[in-house]
PDB file of N, CA and C in Angstrom:
ATOM      1  N   UNK A   1     121.902  89.771 104.906  1.00  0.00           N
ATOM      2  CA  UNK A   1     121.582  88.889 103.800  1.00  0.00           C
ATOM      3  C   UNK A   1     121.515  87.465 104.346  1.00  0.00           C
ATOM      4  N   UNK A   2     120.439  86.783 104.072  1.00  0.00           N
ATOM      5  CA  UNK A   2     120.335  85.410 104.559  1.00  0.00           C
ATOM      6  C   UNK A   2     120.947  84.436 103.551  1.00  0.00           C
ATOM      7  N   UNK A   3     121.026  83.181 103.939  1.00  0.00           N
ATOM      8  CA  UNK A   3     121.711  82.177 103.118  1.00  0.00           C
ATOM      9  C   UNK A   3     121.048  81.983 101.773  1.00  0.00           C
ATOM     10  N   UNK A   4     119.724  82.007 101.717  1.00  0.00           N
ATOM     11  CA  UNK A   4     119.054  81.795 100.436  1.00  0.00           C
ATOM     12  C   UNK A   4     119.321  82.942  99.465  1.00  0.00           C
ATOM     13  N   UNK A   5     119.452  84.172  99.980  1.00  0.00           N
ATOM     14  CA  UNK A   5     119.771  85.303  99.108  1.00  0.00           C
ATOM     15  C   UNK A   5     121.217  85.225  98.636  1.00  0.00           C
ATOM     16  N   UNK A   6     122.120  84.882  99.518  1.00  0.00           N
ATOM     17  CA  UNK A   6     123.529  84.836  99.153  1.00  0.00           C
ATOM     18  C   UNK A   6     123.827  83.683  98.206  1.00  0.00           C
ATOM     19  N   UNK A   7     123.001  82.648  98.233  1.00  0.00           N
ATOM     20  CA  UNK A   7     123.197  81.503  97.341  1.00  0.00           C
ATOM     21  C   UNK A   7     123.157  81.944  95.882  1.00  0.00           C
ATOM     22  N   UNK A   8     122.360  82.958  95.583  1.00  0.00           N
ATOM     23  CA  UNK A   8     122.223  83.441  94.204  1.00  0.00           C
ATOM     24  C   UNK A   8     123.353  84.381  93.802  1.00  0.00           C
ATOM     25  N   UNK A   9     124.201  84.750  94.735  1.00  0.00           N
ATOM     26  CA  UNK A   9     125.290  85.680  94.452  1.00  0.00           C
ATOM     27  C   UNK A   9     126.646  84.982  94.389  1.00  0.00           C
ATOM     28  N   UNK A  10     126.657  83.716  94.022  1.00  0.00           N
ATOM     29  CA  UNK A  10     127.906  82.967  93.945  1.00  0.00           C
ATOM     30  C   UNK A  10     128.766  83.553  92.823  1.00  0.00           C
ATOM     31  N   UNK A  11     130.012  83.903  93.127  1.00  0.00           N
ATOM     32  CA  UNK A  11     130.885  84.466  92.082  1.00  0.00           C
ATOM     33  C   UNK A  11     131.144  83.467  90.959  1.00  0.00           C
ATOM     34  N   UNK A  12     131.289  83.988  89.756  1.00  0.00           N
ATOM     35  CA  UNK A  12     131.569  83.125  88.610  1.00  0.00           C
ATOM     36  C   UNK A  12     132.915  82.420  88.747  1.00  0.00           C
ATOM     37  N   UNK A  13     133.845  83.019  89.485  1.00  0.00           N
ATOM     38  CA  UNK A  13     135.168  82.422  89.661  1.00  0.00           C
ATOM     39  C   UNK A  13     135.170  81.303  90.704  1.00  0.00           C
ATOM     40  N   UNK A  14     134.042  81.065  91.379  1.00  0.00           N
ATOM     41  CA  UNK A  14     133.966  80.020  92.400  1.00  0.00           C
ATOM     42  C   UNK A  14     134.057  78.667  91.704  1.00  0.00           C
ATOM     43  N   UNK A  15     135.126  77.916  91.985  1.00  0.00           N
ATOM     44  CA  UNK A  15     135.414  76.667  91.276  1.00  0.00           C
ATOM     45  C   UNK A  15     134.720  75.451  91.869  1.00  0.00           C
ATOM     46  N   UNK A  16     134.169  75.584  93.052  1.00  0.00           N
ATOM     47  CA  UNK A  16     133.598  74.442  93.749  1.00  0.00           C
ATOM     48  C   UNK A  16     132.091  74.421  93.591  1.00  0.00           C
ATOM     49  N   UNK A  17     131.432  73.461  94.212  1.00  0.00           N
ATOM     50  CA  UNK A  17     129.985  73.350  94.077  1.00  0.00           C
ATOM     51  C   UNK A  17     129.295  74.537  94.741  1.00  0.00           C
ATOM     52  N   UNK A  18     128.119  74.822  94.264  1.00  0.00           N
ATOM     53  CA  UNK A  18     127.346  75.930  94.823  1.00  0.00           C
ATOM     54  C   UNK A  18     127.015  75.686  96.294  1.00  0.00           C
ATOM     55  N   UNK A  19     126.864  74.439  96.685  1.00  0.00           N
ATOM     56  CA  UNK A  19     126.541  74.120  98.078  1.00  0.00           C
ATOM     57  C   UNK A  19     127.697  74.444  99.018  1.00  0.00           C
ATOM     58  N   UNK A  20     128.917  74.526  98.485  1.00  0.00           N
ATOM     59  CA  UNK A  20     130.053  74.842  99.343  1.00  0.00           C
ATOM     60  C   UNK A  20     130.239  76.352  99.514  1.00  0.00           C
ATOM     61  N   UNK A  21     129.429  77.156  98.841  1.00  0.00           N
ATOM     62  CA  UNK A  21     129.484  78.612  98.986  1.00  0.00           C
ATOM     63  C   UNK A  21     128.706  78.986 100.246  1.00  0.00           C
ATOM     64  N   UNK A  22     129.425  79.385 101.291  1.00  0.00           N
ATOM     65  CA  UNK A  22     128.803  79.714 102.566  1.00  0.00           C
ATOM     66  C   UNK A  22     129.354  81.045 103.070  1.00  0.00           C
ATOM     67  N   UNK A  23     128.926  82.140 102.477  1.00  0.00           N
ATOM     68  CA  UNK A  23     129.432  83.435 102.931  1.00  0.00           C
ATOM     69  C   UNK A  23     128.984  83.722 104.361  1.00  0.00           C
ATOM     70  N   UNK A  24     129.812  84.442 105.078  1.00  0.00           N
ATOM     71  CA  UNK A  24     129.519  84.829 106.454  1.00  0.00           C
ATOM     72  C   UNK A  24     129.573  86.348 106.542  1.00  0.00           C
ATOM     73  N   UNK A  25     129.515  86.850 107.715  1.00  0.00           N
ATOM     74  CA  UNK A  25     129.562  88.304 107.888  1.00  0.00           C
ATOM     75  C   UNK A  25     130.969  88.809 107.572  1.00  0.00           C
ATOM     76  N   UNK A  26     131.063  90.081 107.253  1.00  0.00           N
ATOM     77  CA  UNK A  26     132.363  90.656 106.916  1.00  0.00           C
ATOM     78  C   UNK A  26     133.357  90.544 108.069  1.00  0.00           C
ATOM     79  N   UNK A  27     132.966  90.818 109.315  1.00  0.00           N
ATOM     80  CA  UNK A  27     133.937  90.645 110.406  1.00  0.00           C
ATOM     81  C   UNK A  27     134.440  89.205 110.513  1.00  0.00           C
ATOM     82  N   UNK A  28     133.557  88.236 110.342  1.00  0.00           N
ATOM     83  CA  UNK A  28     133.962  86.825 110.408  1.00  0.00           C
ATOM     84  C   UNK A  28     134.943  86.503 109.274  1.00  0.00           C
ATOM     85  N   UNK A  29     134.680  87.004 108.084  1.00  0.00           N
ATOM     86  CA  UNK A  29     135.582  86.772 106.961  1.00  0.00           C
ATOM     87  C   UNK A  29     136.950  87.412 107.204  1.00  0.00           C
ATOM     88  N   UNK A  30     136.969  88.593 107.836  1.00  0.00           N
ATOM     89  CA  UNK A  30     138.240  89.251 108.135  1.00  0.00           C
ATOM     90  C   UNK A  30     139.038  88.471 109.176  1.00  0.00           C
ATOM     91  N   UNK A  31     138.357  87.895 110.154  1.00  0.00           N
ATOM     92  CA  UNK A  31     139.034  87.059 111.152  1.00  0.00           C
ATOM     93  C   UNK A  31     139.668  85.848 110.463  1.00  0.00           C
ATOM     94  N   UNK A  32     138.922  85.214 109.576  1.00  0.00           N
ATOM     95  CA  UNK A  32     139.458  84.058 108.840  1.00  0.00           C
ATOM     96  C   UNK A  32     140.652  84.467 107.990  1.00  0.00           C
ATOM     97  N   UNK A  33     140.549  85.607 107.305  1.00  0.00           N
ATOM     98  CA  UNK A  33     141.647  86.075 106.463  1.00  0.00           C
ATOM     99  C   UNK A  33     142.889  86.347 107.303  1.00  0.00           C
ATOM    100  N   UNK A  34     142.705  86.971 108.458  1.00  0.00           N
ATOM    101  CA  UNK A  34     143.832  87.241 109.346  1.00  0.00           C
ATOM    102  C   UNK A  34     144.496  85.955 109.816  1.00  0.00           C
ATOM    103  N   UNK A  35     143.693  84.957 110.149  1.00  0.00           N
ATOM    104  CA  UNK A  35     144.242  83.680 110.589  1.00  0.00           C
ATOM    105  C   UNK A  35     145.024  83.009 109.468  1.00  0.00           C
ATOM    106  N   UNK A  36     144.524  83.087 108.248  1.00  0.00           N
ATOM    107  CA  UNK A  36     145.238  82.494 107.109  1.00  0.00           C
ATOM    108  C   UNK A  36     146.549  83.230 106.838  1.00  0.00           C
ATOM    109  N   UNK A  37     146.550  84.541 106.968  1.00  0.00           N
ATOM    110  CA  UNK A  37     147.777  85.325 106.774  1.00  0.00           C
ATOM    111  C   UNK A  37     148.804  84.958 107.837  1.00  0.00           C
ATOM    112  N   UNK A  38     148.371  84.878 109.086  1.00  0.00           N
ATOM    113  CA  UNK A  38     149.277  84.510 110.168  1.00  0.00           C
ATOM    114  C   UNK A  38     149.853  83.116 109.960  1.00  0.00           C
ATOM    115  N   UNK A  39     149.032  82.182 109.528  1.00  0.00           N
ATOM    116  CA  UNK A  39     149.505  80.828 109.270  1.00  0.00           C
ATOM    117  C   UNK A  39     150.553  80.815 108.153  1.00  0.00           C
ATOM    118  N   UNK A  40     150.349  81.614 107.130  1.00  0.00           N
ATOM    119  CA  UNK A  40     151.314  81.670 106.031  1.00  0.00           C
ATOM    120  C   UNK A  40     152.626  82.303 106.482  1.00  0.00           C
ATOM    121  N   UNK A  41     152.555  83.356 107.292  1.00  0.00           N
ATOM    122  CA  UNK A  41     153.772  83.986 107.816  1.00  0.00           C
ATOM    123  C   UNK A  41     154.543  82.982 108.674  1.00  0.00           C
ATOM    124  N   UNK A  42     153.840  82.240 109.518  1.00  0.00           N
ATOM    125  CA  UNK A  42     154.491  81.219 110.341  1.00  0.00           C
ATOM    126  C   UNK A  42     155.154  80.149 109.471  1.00  0.00           C
ATOM    127  N   UNK A  43     154.458  79.733 108.404  1.00  0.00           N
ATOM    128  CA  UNK A  43     155.012  78.719 107.502  1.00  0.00           C
ATOM    129  C   UNK A  43     156.290  79.234 106.842  1.00  0.00           C
ATOM    130  N   UNK A  44     156.260  80.479 106.397  1.00  0.00           N
ATOM    131  CA  UNK A  44     157.447  81.061 105.767  1.00  0.00           C
ATOM    132  C   UNK A  44     158.595  81.199 106.763  1.00  0.00           C
ATOM    133  N   UNK A  45     158.289  81.582 107.997  1.00  0.00           N
ATOM    134  CA  UNK A  45     159.318  81.676 109.034  1.00  0.00           C
ATOM    135  C   UNK A  45     159.957  80.320 109.295  1.00  0.00           C
ATOM    136  N   UNK A  46     159.144  79.281 109.399  1.00  0.00           N
ATOM    137  CA  UNK A  46     159.692  77.937 109.627  1.00  0.00           C
ATOM    138  C   UNK A  46     160.559  77.488 108.459  1.00  0.00           C
ATOM    139  N   UNK A  47     160.126  77.786 107.237  1.00  0.00           N
ATOM    140  CA  UNK A  47     160.910  77.407 106.065  1.00  0.00           C
ATOM    141  C   UNK A  47     162.244  78.149 106.055  1.00  0.00           C
ATOM    142  N   UNK A  48     162.236  79.422 106.425  1.00  0.00           N
ATOM    143  CA  UNK A  48     163.470  80.214 106.472  1.00  0.00           C
ATOM    144  C   UNK A  48     164.403  79.675 107.552  1.00  0.00           C
ATOM    145  N   UNK A  49     163.865  79.383 108.723  1.00  0.00           N
ATOM    146  CA  UNK A  49     164.680  78.847 109.812  1.00  0.00           C
ATOM    147  C   UNK A  49     165.267  77.493 109.447  1.00  0.00           C
ATOM    148  N   UNK A  50     164.506  76.675 108.742  1.00  0.00           N
ATOM    149  CA  UNK A  50     164.981  75.360 108.322  1.00  0.00           C
ATOM    150  C   UNK A  50     166.126  75.516 107.323  1.00  0.00           C
ATOM    151  N   UNK A  51     166.007  76.472 106.411  1.00  0.00           N
ATOM    152  CA  UNK A  51     167.050  76.713 105.421  1.00  0.00           C
ATOM    153  C   UNK A  51     168.334  77.185 106.096  1.00  0.00           C
ATOM    154  N   UNK A  52     168.207  78.081 107.074  1.00  0.00           N
ATOM    155  CA  UNK A  52     169.386  78.586 107.781  1.00  0.00           C
ATOM    156  C   UNK A  52     170.036  77.488 108.618  1.00  0.00           C
ATOM    157  N   UNK A  53     169.253  76.586 109.162  1.00  0.00           N
ATOM    158  CA  UNK A  53     169.799  75.505 109.986  1.00  0.00           C
ATOM    159  C   UNK A  53     170.580  74.506 109.123  1.00  0.00           C
ATOM    160  N   UNK A  54     170.175  74.362 107.869  1.00  0.00           N
ATOM    161  CA  UNK A  54     170.831  73.409 106.971  1.00  0.00           C
ATOM    162  C   UNK A  54     172.094  73.990 106.357  1.00  0.00           C
ATOM    163  N   UNK A  55     172.236  75.303 106.356  1.00  0.00           N
ATOM    164  CA  UNK A  55     173.402  75.965 105.757  1.00  0.00           C
ATOM    165  C   UNK A  55     174.547  75.991 106.780  1.00  0.00           C
ATOM    166  N   UNK A  56     175.692  75.409 106.437  1.00  0.00           N
ATOM    167  CA  UNK A  56     176.811  75.436 107.395  1.00  0.00           C
ATOM    168  C   UNK A  56     177.390  76.841 107.519  1.00  0.00           C
ATOM    169  N   UNK A  57     177.841  77.177 108.698  1.00  0.00           N
ATOM    170  CA  UNK A  57     178.480  78.480 108.913  1.00  0.00           C
ATOM    171  C   UNK A  57     179.910  78.396 108.415  1.00  0.00           C
ATOM    172  N   UNK A  58     180.227  79.230 107.479  1.00  0.00           N
ATOM    173  CA  UNK A  58     181.578  79.225 106.907  1.00  0.00           C
ATOM    174  C   UNK A  58     182.325  80.445 107.326  1.00  0.00           C
TER     175      UNK A  58
END
């Protein structure tokens, strides 16, 4: 599917401008999703480690 065809398939839930809708291939989207998941796991790990560091050992 080329860009002009995909432009007409913008989901109704897309909150941003139509020009910002830039779908890519499914493998590329999966790579992006994996990177976002990894970043969130890292963020949660850092938050957990920060909480444990602030808690005194009793």
